[in-house]
């Protein structure tokens, strides 16, 4: 036998809503924190648009995680074009920044799409019953 779940209805015993509750919330406080790749208005900045000496995200070196994704993309690229292994290795070795990585990953994605291969690996597969 399962126990009855507790409820909180006893906390909602007022006959009318409070009259002194605010209808709108104040603007959030400014924490003073800004990201290196944001301008004064909080919008991302492109290359050469940020403060002098500050790298934008796209110009940063690739992380080990991104390197792993690049290697997986290179494997897919090599499976699609086995005769172009030298090009793939050369291209992968030329990737040094997040911008370079984005360019290569976009190219591989386009090649996979052109070959009719599934590229939405993050999306769940549809169930046979259509739900």
N, C-alpha and C. Protein backbone atom coordinates (compact mmCIF):
# COMPACT_ATOMS: atom_id res chain seq x y z
N UNK A 1 0.84 -1.18 0.00
CA UNK A 1 0.00 0.00 0.00
C UNK A 1 0.89 1.26 0.00
N UNK A 2 0.58 2.21 -0.87
CA UNK A 2 1.38 3.43 -0.94
C UNK A 2 0.75 4.49 -0.05
N UNK A 3 1.57 5.29 0.63
CA UNK A 3 1.01 6.34 1.50
C UNK A 3 0.38 7.45 0.67
N UNK A 4 -0.56 8.16 1.27
CA UNK A 4 -1.20 9.29 0.60
C UNK A 4 -0.18 10.41 0.45
N UNK A 5 -0.14 11.04 -0.72
CA UNK A 5 0.81 12.16 -0.89
C UNK A 5 0.36 13.36 -0.07
N UNK A 6 1.33 14.10 0.42
CA UNK A 6 1.02 15.33 1.15
C UNK A 6 0.64 16.42 0.16
N UNK A 7 -0.22 17.32 0.59
CA UNK A 7 -0.55 18.45 -0.26
C UNK A 7 -0.24 19.74 0.48
N UNK A 8 -0.38 20.84 -0.20
CA UNK A 8 -0.08 22.14 0.39
C UNK A 8 -1.28 23.07 0.32
N UNK A 9 -2.45 22.51 0.16
CA UNK A 9 -3.66 23.32 0.05
C UNK A 9 -3.91 24.15 1.30
N UNK A 10 -3.44 23.67 2.45
CA UNK A 10 -3.63 24.43 3.69
C UNK A 10 -2.89 25.77 3.65
N UNK A 11 -1.89 25.90 2.76
CA UNK A 11 -1.16 27.15 2.62
C UNK A 11 -1.93 28.17 1.78
N UNK A 12 -2.94 27.71 1.06
CA UNK A 12 -3.73 28.57 0.18
C UNK A 12 -5.09 28.86 0.79
N UNK A 13 -5.10 29.23 2.04
CA UNK A 13 -6.36 29.38 2.75
C UNK A 13 -6.96 30.78 2.67
N UNK A 14 -6.28 31.77 2.11
CA UNK A 14 -6.82 33.13 2.04
C UNK A 14 -8.02 33.18 1.10
N UNK A 15 -9.02 33.94 1.52
CA UNK A 15 -10.23 34.05 0.70
C UNK A 15 -9.99 34.95 -0.51
N UNK A 16 -9.07 35.91 -0.39
CA UNK A 16 -8.77 36.84 -1.47
C UNK A 16 -7.25 36.95 -1.62
N UNK A 17 -6.77 37.31 -2.84
CA UNK A 17 -5.32 37.52 -2.99
C UNK A 17 -4.87 38.74 -2.19
N UNK A 18 -3.60 38.76 -1.85
CA UNK A 18 -3.03 39.90 -1.13
C UNK A 18 -3.15 41.16 -1.96
N UNK A 19 -3.46 42.24 -1.35
CA UNK A 19 -3.58 43.51 -2.05
C UNK A 19 -2.27 44.27 -2.10
N UNK A 20 -1.31 43.89 -1.27
CA UNK A 20 -0.05 44.62 -1.22
C UNK A 20 1.05 43.96 -2.06
N UNK A 21 0.72 42.92 -2.81
CA UNK A 21 1.72 42.24 -3.64
C UNK A 21 1.98 43.06 -4.91
N UNK A 22 3.24 43.18 -5.33
CA UNK A 22 3.53 43.97 -6.54
C UNK A 22 3.00 43.27 -7.79
N UNK A 23 2.54 44.07 -8.75
CA UNK A 23 2.04 43.52 -10.00
C UNK A 23 3.17 43.25 -10.99
N UNK A 24 4.29 43.99 -10.86
CA UNK A 24 5.45 43.78 -11.73
C UNK A 24 6.70 43.70 -10.85
N UNK A 25 7.70 43.02 -11.35
CA UNK A 25 8.95 42.90 -10.61
C UNK A 25 9.92 43.99 -11.06
N UNK A 26 10.80 44.42 -10.17
CA UNK A 26 11.80 45.42 -10.57
C UNK A 26 12.82 44.81 -11.53
N UNK A 27 13.55 45.68 -12.23
CA UNK A 27 14.61 45.21 -13.13
C UNK A 27 15.68 44.50 -12.32
N UNK A 28 16.32 43.48 -12.87
CA UNK A 28 17.36 42.77 -12.12
C UNK A 28 18.56 43.69 -11.86
N UNK A 29 19.23 43.43 -10.77
CA UNK A 29 20.41 44.22 -10.42
C UNK A 29 21.53 43.96 -11.41
N UNK A 30 22.35 44.96 -11.66
CA UNK A 30 23.51 44.82 -12.54
C UNK A 30 24.64 44.20 -11.73
N UNK A 31 25.06 43.00 -12.10
CA UNK A 31 26.11 42.32 -11.36
C UNK A 31 27.49 42.86 -11.69
N UNK A 32 27.60 43.56 -12.83
CA UNK A 32 28.90 44.06 -13.25
C UNK A 32 29.70 43.04 -14.03
N UNK A 33 29.18 41.81 -14.18
CA UNK A 33 29.89 40.76 -14.90
C UNK A 33 29.62 40.88 -16.39
N UNK A 34 30.67 40.81 -17.20
CA UNK A 34 30.53 40.77 -18.64
C UNK A 34 31.46 39.69 -19.18
N UNK A 35 31.05 39.10 -20.26
CA UNK A 35 31.88 38.10 -20.93
C UNK A 35 32.88 38.82 -21.83
N UNK A 36 34.01 38.17 -22.10
CA UNK A 36 35.03 38.76 -22.96
C UNK A 36 34.54 38.99 -24.38
N UNK A 37 33.55 38.20 -24.82
CA UNK A 37 33.11 38.32 -26.21
C UNK A 37 31.82 39.11 -26.34
N UNK A 38 31.49 39.95 -25.34
CA UNK A 38 30.32 40.79 -25.42
C UNK A 38 30.73 42.25 -25.45
N UNK A 39 29.96 43.04 -26.16
CA UNK A 39 30.18 44.48 -26.18
C UNK A 39 29.53 45.13 -24.98
N UNK A 40 29.49 46.45 -24.95
CA UNK A 40 28.90 47.18 -23.83
C UNK A 40 27.40 46.91 -23.69
N UNK A 41 26.74 46.60 -24.82
CA UNK A 41 25.30 46.36 -24.77
C UNK A 41 24.96 44.89 -24.51
N UNK A 42 25.97 44.03 -24.29
CA UNK A 42 25.74 42.62 -24.03
C UNK A 42 25.66 41.78 -25.27
N UNK A 43 25.70 42.38 -26.46
CA UNK A 43 25.64 41.62 -27.70
C UNK A 43 27.02 41.07 -28.04
N UNK A 44 27.10 39.87 -28.61
CA UNK A 44 28.40 39.32 -29.00
C UNK A 44 29.09 40.22 -30.03
N UNK A 45 30.39 40.30 -29.96
CA UNK A 45 31.15 41.09 -30.92
C UNK A 45 31.88 40.16 -31.87
N UNK A 46 32.06 40.62 -33.09
CA UNK A 46 32.78 39.83 -34.09
C UNK A 46 34.26 40.12 -34.03
N UNK A 47 35.04 39.51 -34.93
CA UNK A 47 36.47 39.73 -34.93
C UNK A 47 36.80 41.19 -35.20
N UNK A 48 37.69 41.73 -34.41
CA UNK A 48 38.11 43.11 -34.60
C UNK A 48 37.15 44.13 -34.04
N UNK A 49 35.99 43.71 -33.50
CA UNK A 49 35.01 44.66 -32.99
C UNK A 49 35.14 44.86 -31.49
N UNK A 50 35.82 43.96 -30.80
CA UNK A 50 35.93 44.04 -29.35
C UNK A 50 37.02 45.00 -28.94
N UNK A 51 37.21 45.16 -27.62
CA UNK A 51 38.28 46.03 -27.14
C UNK A 51 39.64 45.53 -27.62
N UNK A 52 40.55 46.44 -27.82
CA UNK A 52 41.89 46.09 -28.32
C UNK A 52 42.54 45.13 -27.33
N UNK A 53 43.13 44.06 -27.86
CA UNK A 53 43.83 43.10 -27.04
C UNK A 53 42.95 42.01 -26.46
N UNK A 54 41.62 42.08 -26.66
CA UNK A 54 40.71 41.07 -26.13
C UNK A 54 40.30 40.15 -27.26
N UNK A 55 40.48 38.86 -27.05
CA UNK A 55 40.09 37.87 -28.07
C UNK A 55 38.60 37.64 -28.02
N UNK A 56 38.00 37.50 -29.17
CA UNK A 56 36.60 37.08 -29.20
C UNK A 56 36.59 35.57 -29.09
N UNK A 57 35.44 35.01 -28.79
CA UNK A 57 35.33 33.57 -28.64
C UNK A 57 35.80 32.84 -29.89
N UNK A 58 35.44 33.36 -31.06
CA UNK A 58 35.79 32.71 -32.33
C UNK A 58 37.29 32.63 -32.55
N UNK A 59 38.04 33.54 -31.94
CA UNK A 59 39.49 33.56 -32.13
C UNK A 59 40.24 32.77 -31.07
N UNK A 60 39.54 32.18 -30.15
CA UNK A 60 40.20 31.42 -29.08
C UNK A 60 40.64 30.06 -29.59
N UNK A 61 41.66 29.50 -28.96
CA UNK A 61 42.09 28.14 -29.34
C UNK A 61 40.99 27.14 -29.03
N UNK A 62 41.00 26.04 -29.75
CA UNK A 62 39.97 25.03 -29.54
C UNK A 62 40.23 24.27 -28.24
N UNK A 63 39.18 23.85 -27.59
CA UNK A 63 39.28 23.09 -26.35
C UNK A 63 39.47 21.61 -26.69
N UNK A 64 39.81 20.83 -25.69
CA UNK A 64 39.97 19.39 -25.92
C UNK A 64 38.64 18.75 -26.32
N UNK A 65 37.55 19.26 -25.78
CA UNK A 65 36.23 18.73 -26.14
C UNK A 65 35.93 19.00 -27.61
N UNK A 66 36.18 20.22 -28.04
CA UNK A 66 35.95 20.57 -29.45
C UNK A 66 36.88 19.77 -30.35
N UNK A 67 38.10 19.53 -29.90
CA UNK A 67 39.04 18.70 -30.67
C UNK A 67 38.46 17.31 -30.89
N UNK A 68 37.81 16.77 -29.87
CA UNK A 68 37.16 15.46 -30.00
C UNK A 68 36.06 15.47 -31.04
N UNK A 69 35.24 16.52 -31.04
CA UNK A 69 34.18 16.62 -32.05
C UNK A 69 34.77 16.77 -33.45
N UNK A 70 35.87 17.49 -33.56
CA UNK A 70 36.53 17.63 -34.86
C UNK A 70 37.02 16.28 -35.36
N UNK A 71 37.57 15.49 -34.47
CA UNK A 71 38.08 14.18 -34.88
C UNK A 71 36.95 13.25 -35.31
N UNK A 72 35.82 13.33 -34.62
CA UNK A 72 34.66 12.53 -35.03
C UNK A 72 34.17 12.99 -36.40
N UNK A 73 34.13 14.31 -36.61
CA UNK A 73 33.72 14.84 -37.92
C UNK A 73 34.70 14.39 -39.01
N UNK A 74 35.99 14.38 -38.70
CA UNK A 74 36.99 13.93 -39.68
C UNK A 74 36.80 12.46 -40.02
N UNK A 75 36.43 11.65 -39.05
CA UNK A 75 36.14 10.23 -39.32
C UNK A 75 34.96 10.10 -40.28
N UNK A 76 33.91 10.87 -40.04
CA UNK A 76 32.76 10.84 -40.94
C UNK A 76 33.17 11.31 -42.34
N UNK A 77 33.97 12.37 -42.39
CA UNK A 77 34.46 12.90 -43.67
C UNK A 77 35.28 11.84 -44.40
N UNK A 78 36.13 11.14 -43.68
CA UNK A 78 36.97 10.10 -44.28
C UNK A 78 36.14 8.91 -44.77
N UNK A 79 35.06 8.60 -44.07
CA UNK A 79 34.19 7.50 -44.53
C UNK A 79 33.46 7.89 -45.80
N UNK A 80 33.12 9.17 -45.91
CA UNK A 80 32.44 9.64 -47.12
C UNK A 80 33.40 9.72 -48.31
N UNK A 81 34.65 10.12 -48.04
CA UNK A 81 35.64 10.35 -49.09
C UNK A 81 36.96 9.66 -48.75
N UNK A 82 37.00 8.34 -48.83
CA UNK A 82 38.21 7.61 -48.44
C UNK A 82 39.43 7.99 -49.28
N UNK A 83 39.24 8.40 -50.51
CA UNK A 83 40.38 8.75 -51.37
C UNK A 83 40.96 10.12 -51.01
N UNK A 84 40.26 10.89 -50.18
CA UNK A 84 40.71 12.24 -49.84
C UNK A 84 41.31 12.33 -48.44
N UNK A 85 41.86 11.24 -47.97
CA UNK A 85 42.40 11.18 -46.61
C UNK A 85 43.46 12.27 -46.36
N UNK A 86 44.34 12.49 -47.33
CA UNK A 86 45.40 13.50 -47.16
C UNK A 86 44.79 14.89 -46.97
N UNK A 87 43.77 15.22 -47.76
CA UNK A 87 43.12 16.52 -47.63
C UNK A 87 42.49 16.67 -46.26
N UNK A 88 41.84 15.62 -45.80
CA UNK A 88 41.15 15.65 -44.51
C UNK A 88 42.16 15.87 -43.38
N UNK A 89 43.27 15.15 -43.43
CA UNK A 89 44.31 15.30 -42.40
C UNK A 89 44.88 16.71 -42.44
N UNK A 90 45.16 17.21 -43.63
CA UNK A 90 45.70 18.56 -43.78
C UNK A 90 44.71 19.60 -43.23
N UNK A 91 43.46 19.42 -43.59
CA UNK A 91 42.44 20.37 -43.15
C UNK A 91 42.27 20.31 -41.63
N UNK A 92 42.26 19.13 -41.07
CA UNK A 92 42.11 18.99 -39.62
C UNK A 92 43.30 19.61 -38.89
N UNK A 93 44.50 19.45 -39.44
CA UNK A 93 45.69 20.03 -38.81
C UNK A 93 45.72 21.56 -38.92
N UNK A 94 44.95 22.11 -39.85
CA UNK A 94 44.94 23.57 -40.01
C UNK A 94 43.93 24.25 -39.09
N UNK A 95 43.16 23.47 -38.34
CA UNK A 95 42.16 24.03 -37.43
C UNK A 95 42.85 24.39 -36.11
N UNK A 96 42.86 25.70 -35.80
CA UNK A 96 43.52 26.16 -34.58
C UNK A 96 42.61 26.99 -33.68
N UNK A 97 41.55 27.56 -34.25
CA UNK A 97 40.66 28.42 -33.46
C UNK A 97 39.22 27.89 -33.53
N UNK A 98 38.39 28.43 -32.67
CA UNK A 98 36.97 28.06 -32.68
C UNK A 98 36.36 28.41 -34.03
N UNK A 99 36.78 29.52 -34.63
CA UNK A 99 36.27 29.92 -35.95
C UNK A 99 36.64 28.86 -36.99
N UNK A 100 37.90 28.39 -36.97
CA UNK A 100 38.33 27.35 -37.91
C UNK A 100 37.50 26.08 -37.72
N UNK A 101 37.28 25.72 -36.45
CA UNK A 101 36.52 24.51 -36.14
C UNK A 101 35.10 24.62 -36.67
N UNK A 102 34.49 25.78 -36.46
CA UNK A 102 33.12 25.98 -36.95
C UNK A 102 33.07 25.82 -38.46
N UNK A 103 34.05 26.37 -39.16
CA UNK A 103 34.09 26.25 -40.62
C UNK A 103 34.20 24.80 -41.07
N UNK A 104 35.09 24.04 -40.43
CA UNK A 104 35.27 22.64 -40.83
C UNK A 104 34.02 21.82 -40.50
N UNK A 105 33.47 22.00 -39.31
CA UNK A 105 32.28 21.25 -38.93
C UNK A 105 31.11 21.57 -39.85
N UNK A 106 30.98 22.82 -40.26
CA UNK A 106 29.92 23.21 -41.20
C UNK A 106 30.11 22.52 -42.55
N UNK A 107 31.36 22.44 -43.01
CA UNK A 107 31.64 21.76 -44.28
C UNK A 107 31.29 20.27 -44.21
N UNK A 108 31.68 19.62 -43.12
CA UNK A 108 31.39 18.19 -42.99
C UNK A 108 29.88 17.97 -42.89
N UNK A 109 29.19 18.83 -42.16
CA UNK A 109 27.74 18.71 -42.05
C UNK A 109 27.08 18.83 -43.42
N UNK A 110 27.56 19.76 -44.24
CA UNK A 110 27.01 19.92 -45.59
C UNK A 110 27.29 18.67 -46.43
N UNK A 111 28.47 18.08 -46.28
CA UNK A 111 28.79 16.85 -47.03
C UNK A 111 27.90 15.70 -46.60
N UNK A 112 27.64 15.59 -45.30
CA UNK A 112 26.76 14.54 -44.80
C UNK A 112 25.34 14.75 -45.32
N UNK A 113 24.88 15.99 -45.30
CA UNK A 113 23.54 16.30 -45.82
C UNK A 113 23.45 15.95 -47.31
N UNK A 114 24.48 16.32 -48.07
CA UNK A 114 24.49 16.05 -49.51
C UNK A 114 24.47 14.56 -49.80
N UNK A 115 25.08 13.78 -48.91
CA UNK A 115 25.11 12.33 -49.09
C UNK A 115 23.83 11.67 -48.58
N UNK A 116 22.94 12.48 -48.01
CA UNK A 116 21.67 11.94 -47.50
C UNK A 116 21.82 11.20 -46.20
N UNK A 117 22.89 11.47 -45.47
CA UNK A 117 23.10 10.80 -44.19
C UNK A 117 22.50 11.61 -43.07
N UNK A 118 22.02 10.92 -42.08
CA UNK A 118 21.37 11.57 -40.94
C UNK A 118 22.38 12.43 -40.19
N UNK A 119 22.04 13.69 -39.97
CA UNK A 119 22.95 14.60 -39.26
C UNK A 119 22.35 15.12 -37.97
N UNK A 120 21.13 14.74 -37.64
CA UNK A 120 20.51 15.22 -36.41
C UNK A 120 20.70 14.22 -35.29
N UNK A 121 21.94 13.85 -35.03
CA UNK A 121 22.23 12.78 -34.08
C UNK A 121 21.82 13.15 -32.66
N UNK A 122 21.65 14.44 -32.37
CA UNK A 122 21.25 14.84 -31.03
C UNK A 122 19.74 14.67 -30.83
N UNK A 123 18.98 14.61 -31.91
CA UNK A 123 17.53 14.48 -31.80
C UNK A 123 17.17 13.00 -31.60
N UNK A 124 16.18 12.74 -30.77
CA UNK A 124 15.78 11.34 -30.57
C UNK A 124 15.14 10.77 -31.82
N UNK A 125 15.31 9.49 -32.02
CA UNK A 125 14.69 8.81 -33.15
C UNK A 125 13.19 8.74 -32.93
N UNK A 126 12.41 8.92 -34.00
CA UNK A 126 10.97 8.76 -33.81
C UNK A 126 10.64 7.33 -33.46
N UNK A 127 9.69 7.16 -32.57
CA UNK A 127 9.28 5.83 -32.16
C UNK A 127 8.42 5.21 -33.26
N UNK A 128 8.41 3.90 -33.35
CA UNK A 128 7.61 3.25 -34.39
C UNK A 128 6.12 3.60 -34.31
N UNK A 129 5.64 3.90 -33.10
CA UNK A 129 4.21 4.21 -32.97
C UNK A 129 3.90 5.68 -33.29
N UNK A 130 4.93 6.47 -33.65
CA UNK A 130 4.73 7.86 -34.07
C UNK A 130 4.67 8.85 -32.93
N UNK A 131 4.84 8.40 -31.68
CA UNK A 131 4.79 9.32 -30.54
C UNK A 131 6.14 9.87 -30.22
